Structure formats: C-alpha cells, structure tokens
C-alpha cells in the first residue's frame, strides 16, 4: 500500500480557526474605536487578542502611546499566526507555511528597497512582519550589514530555501541596479519554491493554493500594467520585461496586447473589478479594488469547503485585514481625522 507523504488532517485546525473567527471585529466595533481616542484604543488592544501577552511589559516600557499601540499590534499578529501554524500538522502545516510566506515577500521587498536607496545605512530597521520563515533576528542582521556581499553571504549561510531566494534577488540588484528587476526575481524565486513544495500534493487543496499563487502573480502584473498604461511615450517593451515569467490567471499574451483595464480584465476571474471602479477612475482606484477583490476571494474560501485549506486562507486574510484596520484607526486618531473619514479608509469585509 502506498502511504501519503502528507496527512490531510484539517478537522482540528479548522475547528480552532472557525472558533477564532468569532473574535474578529464588526463594523460597529470599528465605529466605536474610531469615535474614541488613542487611550481607549490602547486599552482595547492591550486587553484583547493583540496585546494581552505583552500588556505589562509594554505599559512599563518607555515607548510613547503611539509606539505601544504599534508594538502591541505587531507582536499580537505574529503571535496569533504562529499559534495557528502550531495547530497544524502534515499537509495543513505545509500549506500554512506557504500562505505565511507573504511575510517573507514583504520583508524581502523592504530590504531590497532599502539597499537600492542605501537607507539601511542611515535609518532604523522597519517593522518587519514576524510570522514568516526568516526570523526577525536575521533580518536585523541583514539591515546592519556593510555591503550587499555581506548580506548575500549571511543569506547563503542561513541555508533556508527562502533565504537563498532573497540572496539571488540581492545579487540581481547588485548586478543590475534595477529595483523592479530584483523584486521580480525574488517573487519569481518564491513562486518556484512554492510550486516545488506542493508537487506531491493532489486534489482540491492543491487547486486552491495554485489559484492563490496565480492571483498573487496577477497582482504583481497588474502593478506593472498600471505603469505601462501610464507611460509617457515609452515603448511597451520597457515595461513588458517586468511581467512575471510564470503565468497567473491572466495570460501573458493578454498583458502584452491589452490597451486598457477593460481589455485586460473583461471575461477573466477579475472581471468584477470593472463593476467596482465605474467609468471615471484612476490607476490607484483600480489597484485598490484589485486588492479588495483578492481579499474577498480569500474570505469566500471558508464557505467552499469546511474541511480544506480554504478556512485557513480566509482566517489569515481576516486577521491581516483587522491588523491593517486597527493601524488605520490609530493613525487617524493621531492626526485628528473625523470618525467617518477613518471608517471610509477601512477594509470592511463580510464575516
């Protein structure tokens, strides 16, 4: 009898995730926080799921009120997502690690942008996403390195496949000096890594993860297309080289030929974006609605199969959206923004 390489044990994981979904904030919760002040927001965060474990330490620190809120949210999101990963074994664990790889993508791009501008030599390290495969301690070391060569050496010495992916992207930046090319290299390497990890998985869960990966590729390509559509007389080839070499849901030939967002999206899984943007729109509106559409797709996955990876996809998306919303409220309160304007900037998803 052939043994499966990975156990498909989603029952326990999804039961825990569905229970946690009941804790996510509703519109009325956001409204109450937006109508309050920073002290009320801090109390809410430190007493809730984001800051409970760090309440005493943060209150005794010398950090400002704003920094305490930021730190509690950052630590809380990392802790929550690491706990979720601990619930999983076998196939669910593997796929969760791939879903949380978005942190490594985010952190790697922050590093690449800093290396391009050399801001790592004059500024403090950014707030890293602390739920990826590469630890924050390594990222801090990389930030303090004296040269790209030293960074590449540390990444190769670390040996994790994602560290190797980032090392190759830093090499690309070192050789070309072109940031979009280095970022494209990094995402391309991560996609290949993810594809290799799921090669022994079959069935519906692999299909969902593949669509997640393909939509991530599309998001990158949409950003390139946005720059292409705003070009000032430049040749299309100047932008086409930045499209991903791995195809997403949108065919590469369509990306090359399309002359408008309508041409690009109509008849595709992204077509609903056209209804959201209306007639008079700018590139920023399109890209914002593309991101929202991707989030709605992720949230919807929890309804498609109660015993598959879709529940985890939805949970992670909802957790990250709540984190972003609370950060938005914090910033809004700091600058005295009216509550209705704060709410208009939140991402309010169906629960």
Protein backbone atom coordinates (compact mmCIF):
# COMPACT_ATOMS: atom_id res chain seq x y z
CA UNK A 1 0.00 0.00 0.00
CA UNK A 2 1.27 3.46 -0.89
CA UNK A 3 1.49 5.84 2.04
CA UNK A 4 0.62 9.50 1.52
CA UNK A 5 3.53 11.86 2.02
CA UNK A 6 1.33 14.34 3.90
CA UNK A 7 -1.60 13.77 6.23
CA UNK A 8 -4.73 15.71 5.35
CA UNK A 9 -5.74 16.45 8.93
CA UNK A 10 -7.84 19.61 8.61
CA UNK A 11 -10.54 18.80 11.17
CA UNK A 12 -8.77 20.04 14.31
CA UNK A 13 -7.14 23.03 12.60
CA UNK A 14 -10.34 24.28 11.01
CA UNK A 15 -12.36 23.83 14.20
CA UNK A 16 -9.87 26.06 16.03
CA UNK A 17 -9.87 28.62 13.22
CA UNK A 18 -13.66 28.83 12.99
CA UNK A 19 -13.83 29.43 16.74
CA UNK A 20 -11.27 32.24 16.41
CA UNK A 21 -13.21 33.83 13.56
CA UNK A 22 -15.92 34.77 16.05
CA UNK A 23 -13.42 37.16 17.67
CA UNK A 24 -12.98 39.38 14.62
CA UNK A 25 -14.32 42.92 14.91
CA UNK A 26 -17.56 44.03 13.31
CA UNK A 27 -18.36 47.40 11.76
CA UNK A 28 -19.91 48.66 14.99
CA UNK A 29 -16.72 47.79 16.89
CA UNK A 30 -14.63 49.81 14.46
CA UNK A 31 -17.08 52.70 14.70
CA UNK A 32 -16.79 52.75 18.49
CA UNK A 33 -12.99 52.78 18.33
CA UNK A 34 -12.93 55.48 15.64
CA UNK A 35 -15.18 57.66 17.81
CA UNK A 36 -12.88 57.27 20.81
CA UNK A 37 -9.31 58.34 21.49
CA UNK A 38 -5.85 56.78 21.49
CA UNK A 39 -6.03 55.82 25.17
CA UNK A 40 -9.24 53.94 24.56
CA UNK A 41 -7.71 52.21 21.53
CA UNK A 42 -4.64 51.23 23.56
CA UNK A 43 -6.76 49.79 26.35
CA UNK A 44 -8.83 47.80 23.84
CA UNK A 45 -5.73 46.40 22.13
CA UNK A 46 -3.75 45.54 25.26
CA UNK A 47 -6.71 43.77 26.86
CA UNK A 48 -7.66 41.87 23.70
CA UNK A 49 -6.14 39.24 21.42
CA UNK A 50 -3.40 41.53 20.11
CA UNK A 51 -1.76 42.77 23.28
CA UNK A 52 -2.78 40.55 26.16
CA UNK A 53 0.54 38.70 26.42
CA UNK A 54 2.58 41.90 26.33
CA UNK A 55 0.37 44.21 28.39
CA UNK A 56 2.57 44.57 31.46
CA UNK A 57 5.83 44.78 29.51
CA UNK A 58 4.53 47.47 27.16
CA UNK A 59 2.92 49.57 29.87
CA UNK A 60 6.20 49.61 31.80
CA UNK A 61 8.26 50.50 28.73
CA UNK A 62 9.45 53.98 27.80
CA UNK A 63 7.65 53.84 24.48
CA UNK A 64 5.20 56.57 23.50
CA UNK A 65 1.48 55.82 23.40
CA UNK A 66 1.56 55.55 19.62
CA UNK A 67 4.58 53.22 19.68
CA UNK A 68 2.97 50.99 22.34
CA UNK A 69 -0.08 50.55 20.12
CA UNK A 70 2.08 49.80 17.08
CA UNK A 71 4.22 47.32 19.02
CA UNK A 72 1.23 45.54 20.55
CA UNK A 73 -0.41 45.10 17.15
CA UNK A 74 2.79 43.86 15.51
CA UNK A 75 3.56 41.38 18.30
CA UNK A 76 -0.04 40.28 18.50
CA UNK A 77 -0.43 39.47 14.81
CA UNK A 78 2.83 37.50 14.82
CA UNK A 79 1.80 35.57 17.94
CA UNK A 80 -1.68 34.79 16.61
CA UNK A 81 -0.42 33.49 13.27
CA UNK A 82 2.37 31.45 14.85
CA UNK A 83 -0.22 29.83 17.13
CA UNK A 84 -2.33 28.95 14.10
CA UNK A 85 0.67 27.28 12.48
CA UNK A 86 1.22 25.28 15.67
CA UNK A 87 -2.31 23.85 15.38
CA UNK A 88 -1.44 22.20 12.05
CA UNK A 89 0.44 19.04 11.09
CA UNK A 90 1.07 17.30 7.77
CA UNK A 91 -0.41 18.86 4.66
CA UNK A 92 -2.19 21.72 6.51
CA UNK A 93 1.12 22.71 8.12
CA UNK A 94 2.93 22.76 4.79
CA UNK A 95 0.26 24.86 3.09
CA UNK A 96 0.02 27.25 6.05
CA UNK A 97 3.75 27.88 5.80
CA UNK A 98 3.30 28.77 2.13
CA UNK A 99 0.42 31.14 2.96
CA UNK A 100 2.52 32.86 5.63
CA UNK A 101 5.32 33.28 3.10
CA UNK A 102 3.67 36.63 2.29
CA UNK A 103 5.62 37.91 5.31
CA UNK A 104 8.90 36.86 3.69
CA UNK A 105 7.85 38.54 0.45
CA UNK A 106 7.01 41.76 2.30
CA UNK A 107 10.21 41.74 4.36
CA UNK A 108 12.41 40.91 1.39
CA UNK A 109 10.99 43.77 -0.64
CA UNK A 110 11.56 46.17 2.26
CA UNK A 111 15.19 45.10 2.37
CA UNK A 112 15.68 45.36 -1.39
CA UNK A 113 14.20 48.87 -1.47
CA UNK A 114 16.46 49.95 1.39
CA UNK A 115 19.51 48.55 -0.39
CA UNK A 116 18.58 50.45 -3.54
CA UNK A 117 18.35 53.78 -1.69
CA UNK A 118 21.00 52.85 0.93
CA UNK A 119 18.53 53.96 3.61
CA UNK A 120 19.63 50.99 5.74
CA UNK A 121 22.85 52.92 6.39
CA UNK A 122 21.09 55.98 7.81
CA UNK A 123 17.73 54.79 9.16
CA UNK A 124 16.49 52.31 11.74
CA UNK A 125 15.17 48.97 10.57
CA UNK A 126 11.48 48.91 9.62
CA UNK A 127 8.77 46.98 11.44
CA UNK A 128 9.23 43.51 9.99
CA UNK A 129 6.39 41.02 9.59
CA UNK A 130 7.38 38.49 12.25
CA UNK A 131 5.42 35.45 11.04
CA UNK A 132 7.46 34.31 8.05
CA UNK A 133 10.11 31.63 7.66
CA UNK A 134 13.06 34.03 8.03
CA UNK A 135 13.38 35.21 11.65
CA UNK A 136 13.41 38.89 12.57
CA UNK A 137 16.85 38.41 14.15
CA UNK A 138 18.27 37.51 10.72
CA UNK A 139 16.55 40.49 9.08
CA UNK A 140 18.03 42.82 11.70
CA UNK A 141 21.49 41.39 10.97
CA UNK A 142 21.00 41.93 7.25
CA UNK A 143 19.91 45.53 7.83
CA UNK A 144 23.14 46.25 9.71
CA UNK A 145 25.43 44.70 7.09
CA UNK A 146 28.05 46.94 5.48
CA UNK A 147 27.62 45.62 1.95
CA UNK A 148 25.39 43.60 -0.36
CA UNK A 149 28.13 40.99 -0.50
CA UNK A 150 27.92 40.55 3.26
CA UNK A 151 24.12 40.24 3.07
CA UNK A 152 24.37 37.60 0.35
CA UNK A 153 26.88 35.66 2.45
CA UNK A 154 24.65 35.64 5.53
CA UNK A 155 21.63 34.51 3.49
CA UNK A 156 23.55 31.69 1.84
CA UNK A 157 24.95 30.64 5.21
CA UNK A 158 21.41 30.52 6.66
CA UNK A 159 20.57 27.93 4.03
CA UNK A 160 16.76 28.13 4.09
CA UNK A 161 15.33 27.98 0.58
CA UNK A 162 13.64 31.36 1.10
CA UNK A 163 16.94 32.85 2.26
CA UNK A 164 18.50 31.54 -0.97
CA UNK A 165 15.67 33.17 -2.95
CA UNK A 166 16.38 36.51 -1.29
CA UNK A 167 20.13 36.13 -1.83
CA UNK A 168 19.54 35.71 -5.56
CA UNK A 169 17.38 38.84 -5.59
CA UNK A 170 20.11 40.84 -3.82
CA UNK A 171 22.58 39.53 -6.41
CA UNK A 172 20.23 40.75 -9.15
CA UNK A 173 20.09 44.20 -7.56
CA UNK A 174 23.88 44.24 -7.18
CA UNK A 175 24.40 43.32 -10.84
CA UNK A 176 21.70 45.47 -12.48
CA UNK A 177 20.90 48.25 -10.02
CA UNK A 178 17.26 47.93 -11.14
CA UNK A 179 14.89 47.53 -8.18
CA UNK A 180 11.80 46.22 -10.08
CA UNK A 181 14.01 43.58 -11.69
CA UNK A 182 15.32 42.46 -8.30
CA UNK A 183 11.82 42.39 -6.78
CA UNK A 184 10.56 40.41 -9.76
CA UNK A 185 13.43 37.97 -9.30
CA UNK A 186 12.51 37.49 -5.64
CA UNK A 187 8.81 36.85 -6.30
CA UNK A 188 9.66 34.54 -9.18
CA UNK A 189 12.00 32.53 -6.95
CA UNK A 190 9.38 32.31 -4.18
CA UNK A 191 6.76 31.10 -6.67
CA UNK A 192 9.08 28.35 -7.89
CA UNK A 193 9.81 27.38 -4.28
CA UNK A 194 6.08 27.15 -3.51
CA UNK A 195 5.38 25.13 -6.65
CA UNK A 196 8.10 22.68 -5.70
CA UNK A 197 6.71 22.29 -2.16
CA UNK A 198 3.24 21.31 -3.38
CA UNK A 199 4.30 18.98 -6.19
CA UNK A 200 3.44 15.86 -4.12
CA UNK A 201 0.02 17.19 -3.05
CA UNK A 202 -3.07 16.35 -5.06
CA UNK A 203 -6.75 17.26 -5.02
CA UNK A 204 -8.85 20.31 -4.17
CA UNK A 205 -6.44 21.86 -1.67
CA UNK A 206 -3.64 21.99 -4.23
CA UNK A 207 -6.05 23.58 -6.70
CA UNK A 208 -6.95 26.34 -4.22
CA UNK A 209 -3.31 27.04 -3.35
CA UNK A 210 -2.44 27.19 -7.05
CA UNK A 211 -5.16 29.77 -7.61
CA UNK A 212 -3.86 31.75 -4.62
CA UNK A 213 -0.37 31.72 -6.16
CA UNK A 214 -1.71 32.66 -9.60
CA UNK A 215 -3.69 35.57 -8.17
CA UNK A 216 -0.55 36.76 -6.36
CA UNK A 217 1.26 36.73 -9.71
CA UNK A 218 -1.61 38.70 -11.24
CA UNK A 219 -1.33 41.37 -8.53
CA UNK A 220 2.31 41.91 -9.46
CA UNK A 221 1.47 42.01 -13.17
CA UNK A 222 -1.38 44.47 -12.57
CA UNK A 223 1.07 46.86 -10.93
CA UNK A 224 3.37 46.58 -13.94
CA UNK A 225 0.40 47.05 -16.30
CA UNK A 226 -0.60 50.17 -14.36
CA UNK A 227 2.80 51.71 -15.03
CA UNK A 228 2.61 50.57 -18.65
CA UNK A 229 -0.79 52.22 -19.13
CA UNK A 230 0.55 55.49 -17.69
CA UNK A 231 3.68 55.53 -19.82
CA UNK A 232 4.65 58.80 -21.44
CA UNK A 233 5.51 57.72 -24.95
CA UNK A 234 7.81 54.94 -23.81
CA UNK A 235 7.95 51.68 -25.68
CA UNK A 236 5.84 48.83 -24.28
CA UNK A 237 8.95 46.66 -24.13
CA UNK A 238 10.32 48.90 -21.38
CA UNK A 239 7.57 47.56 -19.11
CA UNK A 240 6.83 44.13 -20.59
CA UNK A 241 10.14 42.75 -19.33
CA UNK A 242 8.90 43.21 -15.76
CA UNK A 243 5.85 40.96 -16.15
CA UNK A 244 6.30 37.68 -14.31
CA UNK A 245 7.70 34.84 -16.41
CA UNK A 246 5.33 32.45 -14.60
CA UNK A 247 1.74 32.90 -15.77
CA UNK A 248 -1.09 33.80 -13.42
CA UNK A 249 -4.81 33.67 -14.17
CA UNK A 250 -4.27 36.35 -16.83
CA UNK A 251 -2.38 35.09 -19.88
CA UNK A 252 0.93 36.79 -20.63
CA UNK A 253 -0.18 37.47 -24.22
CA UNK A 254 -3.16 39.39 -22.88
CA UNK A 255 -0.92 41.53 -20.68
CA UNK A 256 1.16 42.44 -23.73
CA UNK A 257 -1.78 43.22 -26.02
CA UNK A 258 -4.27 44.96 -23.69
CA UNK A 259 -4.53 48.73 -24.07
CA UNK A 260 -6.94 49.37 -21.19
CA UNK A 261 -8.14 47.82 -17.95
CA UNK A 262 -11.36 46.81 -19.72
CA UNK A 263 -9.36 44.92 -22.37
CA UNK A 264 -7.31 43.25 -19.68
CA UNK A 265 -9.98 42.18 -17.18
CA UNK A 266 -13.20 41.52 -19.11
CA UNK A 267 -14.05 37.82 -19.29
CA UNK A 268 -11.49 36.90 -16.62
CA UNK A 269 -11.87 35.92 -12.93
CA UNK A 270 -11.08 39.58 -12.15
CA UNK A 271 -13.96 40.99 -14.21
CA UNK A 272 -15.94 42.09 -11.13
CA UNK A 273 -13.34 44.79 -10.54
CA UNK A 274 -14.73 46.61 -13.60
CA UNK A 275 -18.12 46.93 -11.86
CA UNK A 276 -16.46 48.34 -8.75
CA UNK A 277 -14.41 51.07 -10.43
CA UNK A 278 -17.17 52.64 -12.52
CA UNK A 279 -16.49 54.80 -15.57
CA UNK A 280 -14.32 57.60 -14.23
CA UNK A 281 -11.40 56.01 -12.42
CA UNK A 282 -7.67 56.35 -11.96
CA UNK A 283 -4.94 53.74 -11.61
CA UNK A 284 -4.97 53.97 -7.81
CA UNK A 285 -8.68 53.13 -7.69
CA UNK A 286 -8.19 50.12 -9.96
CA UNK A 287 -5.30 48.70 -7.95
CA UNK A 288 -7.12 49.26 -4.66
CA UNK A 289 -10.15 47.37 -5.98
CA UNK A 290 -7.96 44.57 -7.31
CA UNK A 291 -6.55 44.08 -3.81
CA UNK A 292 -10.06 44.12 -2.32
CA UNK A 293 -11.23 41.56 -4.87
CA UNK A 294 -8.32 39.30 -3.92
CA UNK A 295 -9.25 39.67 -0.25
CA UNK A 296 -12.90 38.87 -0.95
CA UNK A 297 -11.80 35.77 -2.85
CA UNK A 298 -9.74 34.65 0.15
CA UNK A 299 -12.58 35.26 2.61
CA UNK A 300 -15.01 33.33 0.40
CA UNK A 301 -12.84 30.21 0.53
CA UNK A 302 -14.04 29.40 4.05
CA UNK A 303 -17.51 28.68 2.65
CA UNK A 304 -16.39 26.43 -0.20
CA UNK A 305 -15.03 23.58 1.91
CA UNK A 306 -15.25 23.32 5.68
CA UNK A 307 -12.61 20.56 5.70
CA UNK A 308 -9.94 22.08 3.47
CA UNK A 309 -7.24 24.75 3.37
CA UNK A 310 -9.78 27.41 2.38
CA UNK A 311 -10.67 28.03 6.03
CA UNK A 312 -7.04 28.90 6.80
CA UNK A 313 -6.79 31.14 3.73
CA UNK A 314 -9.84 33.06 4.94
CA UNK A 315 -8.68 33.26 8.54
CA UNK A 316 -5.25 34.66 7.67
CA UNK A 317 -6.79 37.25 5.34
CA UNK A 318 -9.28 38.34 8.02
CA UNK A 319 -6.52 38.56 10.63
CA UNK A 320 -4.32 40.73 8.41
CA UNK A 321 -7.22 42.99 7.43
CA UNK A 322 -8.10 43.55 11.09
CA UNK A 323 -4.47 44.43 11.84
CA UNK A 324 -4.45 46.93 8.99
CA UNK A 325 -7.77 48.43 10.09
CA UNK A 326 -6.59 48.94 13.67
CA UNK A 327 -3.41 50.58 12.41
CA UNK A 328 -5.54 52.85 10.22
CA UNK A 329 -7.69 53.85 13.20
CA UNK A 330 -4.56 54.56 15.25
CA UNK A 331 -3.12 56.85 12.58
CA UNK A 332 -6.49 58.53 12.07
CA UNK A 333 -6.85 59.29 15.77
CA UNK A 334 -3.29 60.61 15.94
CA UNK A 335 -3.96 63.23 13.26
CA UNK A 336 -7.48 64.08 14.46
CA UNK A 337 -9.32 62.62 11.49
CA UNK A 338 -13.15 62.55 11.82
CA UNK A 339 -14.56 59.09 12.52
CA UNK A 340 -16.48 58.92 9.23
CA UNK A 341 -13.27 59.54 7.30
CA UNK A 342 -11.46 56.88 9.32
CA UNK A 343 -14.22 54.37 8.57
CA UNK A 344 -14.08 55.19 4.85
CA UNK A 345 -10.44 54.06 4.83
CA UNK A 346 -11.09 50.70 6.50
CA UNK A 347 -11.46 47.41 4.66
CA UNK A 348 -14.82 46.11 5.84
CA UNK A 349 -15.25 42.52 4.74
CA UNK A 350 -18.19 40.17 5.02
CA UNK A 351 -17.75 37.99 8.11
